[in-house]
Amino acid sequence: MRLLRVYGRAIRLLGPDARLGALLALGNIALAGAQFAEPILFGRIINALAGSQAGAETSLTALVPLLAIWAGFGLFSIVAGVLVSLHADRLSHRRRLGVLADYFEHVLQLPLSFHGETHSG
């Protein structure tokens, strides 16, 4: 239960960037799906090549679509990984600055007696 409260608080701290956070989460899910699909496609390519050595002819026209899809998933994984990590880093930095500014503003709004009674060290 305590872990769920931490996640809820983190999502609330996203504030105006909650939409970007949701898009980054969906991008990560798509990236995970591509990471699972890539070895499956590679296995199909290997099976097609192994089948051609066993005596069954595999034409290049049957192999090219598999190679193109496999390369596409590989490129998607690279590009999506870079974009998701870049925007996640920017989001975390922007929200860190926002939260620190909100906290600093909160501290300045406290009464002077609080600052006189409470020590920072």
Protein backbone atom coordinates (compact mmCIF):
# COMPACT_ATOMS: atom_id res chain seq x y z
CA MET A 1 0.00 0.00 0.00
CA ARG A 2 2.85 2.35 0.80
CA LEU A 3 4.38 1.82 -2.65
CA LEU A 4 1.11 2.79 -4.35
CA ARG A 5 1.05 6.04 -2.39
CA VAL A 6 4.56 6.83 -3.59
CA TYR A 7 3.51 6.23 -7.21
CA GLY A 8 0.38 8.34 -6.73
CA ARG A 9 2.40 11.20 -5.30
CA ALA A 10 4.91 11.02 -8.14
CA ILE A 11 2.12 11.16 -10.71
CA ARG A 12 0.55 14.15 -8.92
CA LEU A 13 3.91 15.92 -8.97
CA LEU A 14 3.93 15.66 -12.76
CA GLY A 15 1.24 18.33 -12.69
CA PRO A 16 1.00 20.06 -16.06
CA ASP A 17 3.27 17.47 -17.67
CA ALA A 18 1.04 14.49 -16.86
CA ARG A 19 0.12 14.10 -20.54
CA LEU A 20 3.78 13.86 -21.53
CA GLY A 21 4.32 11.35 -18.73
CA ALA A 22 1.48 9.20 -20.09
CA LEU A 23 2.90 9.41 -23.62
CA LEU A 24 6.32 8.38 -22.33
CA ALA A 25 4.76 5.41 -20.55
CA LEU A 26 3.02 4.34 -23.77
CA GLY A 27 6.28 4.80 -25.67
CA ASN A 28 8.05 2.55 -23.18
CA ILE A 29 5.36 -0.10 -23.61
CA ALA A 30 5.75 0.06 -27.41
CA LEU A 31 9.51 -0.18 -26.99
CA ALA A 32 9.13 -3.26 -24.79
CA GLY A 33 6.88 -4.86 -27.41
CA ALA A 34 9.46 -4.21 -30.11
CA GLN A 35 12.15 -5.73 -27.90
CA PHE A 36 10.10 -8.94 -27.69
CA ALA A 37 9.25 -9.01 -31.41
CA GLU A 38 12.80 -8.53 -32.67
CA PRO A 39 14.21 -11.93 -31.54
CA ILE A 40 11.11 -13.71 -32.83
CA LEU A 41 11.61 -12.19 -36.28
CA PHE A 42 15.31 -13.03 -36.17
CA GLY A 43 14.39 -16.63 -35.33
CA ARG A 44 12.09 -16.78 -38.36
CA ILE A 45 14.91 -15.53 -40.57
CA ILE A 46 17.26 -18.17 -39.18
CA ASN A 47 14.60 -20.87 -39.66
CA ALA A 48 14.10 -19.79 -43.27
CA LEU A 49 17.85 -19.91 -43.92
CA ALA A 50 18.22 -23.27 -42.15
CA GLY A 51 15.32 -24.66 -44.16
CA SER A 52 17.05 -23.66 -47.38
CA GLN A 53 20.16 -25.60 -46.36
CA ALA A 54 18.07 -28.68 -45.52
CA GLY A 55 16.96 -28.97 -49.12
CA ALA A 56 13.91 -26.76 -49.36
CA GLU A 57 14.57 -23.74 -51.54
CA THR A 58 14.04 -20.35 -49.94
CA SER A 59 13.79 -17.58 -52.47
CA LEU A 60 15.15 -14.14 -51.84
CA THR A 61 11.66 -12.70 -52.34
CA ALA A 62 10.44 -14.67 -49.31
CA LEU A 63 13.40 -13.60 -47.19
CA VAL A 64 13.49 -9.86 -48.02
CA PRO A 65 10.20 -8.97 -46.24
CA LEU A 66 11.37 -10.72 -43.07
CA LEU A 67 14.71 -8.91 -43.22
CA ALA A 68 12.98 -5.56 -43.82
CA ILE A 69 10.58 -6.05 -40.90
CA TRP A 70 13.43 -7.16 -38.63
CA ALA A 71 15.53 -4.13 -39.62
CA GLY A 72 12.49 -1.88 -39.12
CA PHE A 73 11.93 -3.19 -35.61
CA GLY A 74 15.62 -2.71 -34.85
CA LEU A 75 15.60 0.88 -36.07
CA PHE A 76 12.35 1.56 -34.23
CA SER A 77 13.92 0.23 -31.01
CA ILE A 78 16.92 2.51 -31.40
CA VAL A 79 14.97 5.66 -32.32
CA ALA A 80 12.20 5.09 -29.76
CA GLY A 81 14.74 4.36 -27.02
CA VAL A 82 16.62 7.58 -27.74
CA LEU A 83 13.45 9.69 -27.92
CA VAL A 84 11.88 8.22 -24.80
CA SER A 85 15.05 8.61 -22.75
CA LEU A 86 15.63 12.16 -24.01
CA HIS A 87 12.11 13.34 -23.21
CA ALA A 88 12.05 11.49 -19.88
CA ASP A 89 15.28 13.21 -18.87
CA ARG A 90 13.93 16.60 -19.92
CA LEU A 91 10.67 15.96 -18.08
CA SER A 92 12.41 14.92 -14.88
CA HIS A 93 14.69 17.95 -14.96
CA ARG A 94 11.82 20.35 -15.67
CA ARG A 95 9.66 18.89 -12.90
CA ARG A 96 12.58 18.88 -10.45
CA LEU A 97 13.05 22.60 -11.02
CA GLY A 98 9.30 23.18 -10.69
CA VAL A 99 9.02 21.24 -7.43
CA LEU A 100 12.05 23.01 -5.96
CA ALA A 101 10.60 26.40 -6.93
CA ASP A 102 7.24 25.49 -5.36
CA TYR A 103 8.96 24.37 -2.17
CA PHE A 104 11.08 27.51 -2.01
CA GLU A 105 7.96 29.64 -2.49
CA HIS A 106 6.24 27.67 0.28
CA VAL A 107 9.15 28.26 2.66
CA LEU A 108 9.07 31.99 1.93
CA GLN A 109 5.35 32.09 2.74
CA LEU A 110 5.88 30.65 6.23
CA PRO A 111 5.67 33.12 9.12
CA LEU A 112 8.86 34.65 10.45
CA SER A 113 8.34 32.96 13.83
CA PHE A 114 8.63 29.56 12.13
CA HIS A 115 12.02 30.49 10.71
CA GLY A 116 13.19 31.77 14.09
CA GLU A 117 12.20 28.55 15.89
CA THR A 118 13.25 25.99 13.28
CA HIS A 119 16.89 25.47 12.44
CA SER A 120 18.14 23.87 9.24
CA GLY A 121 21.13 22.09 10.69
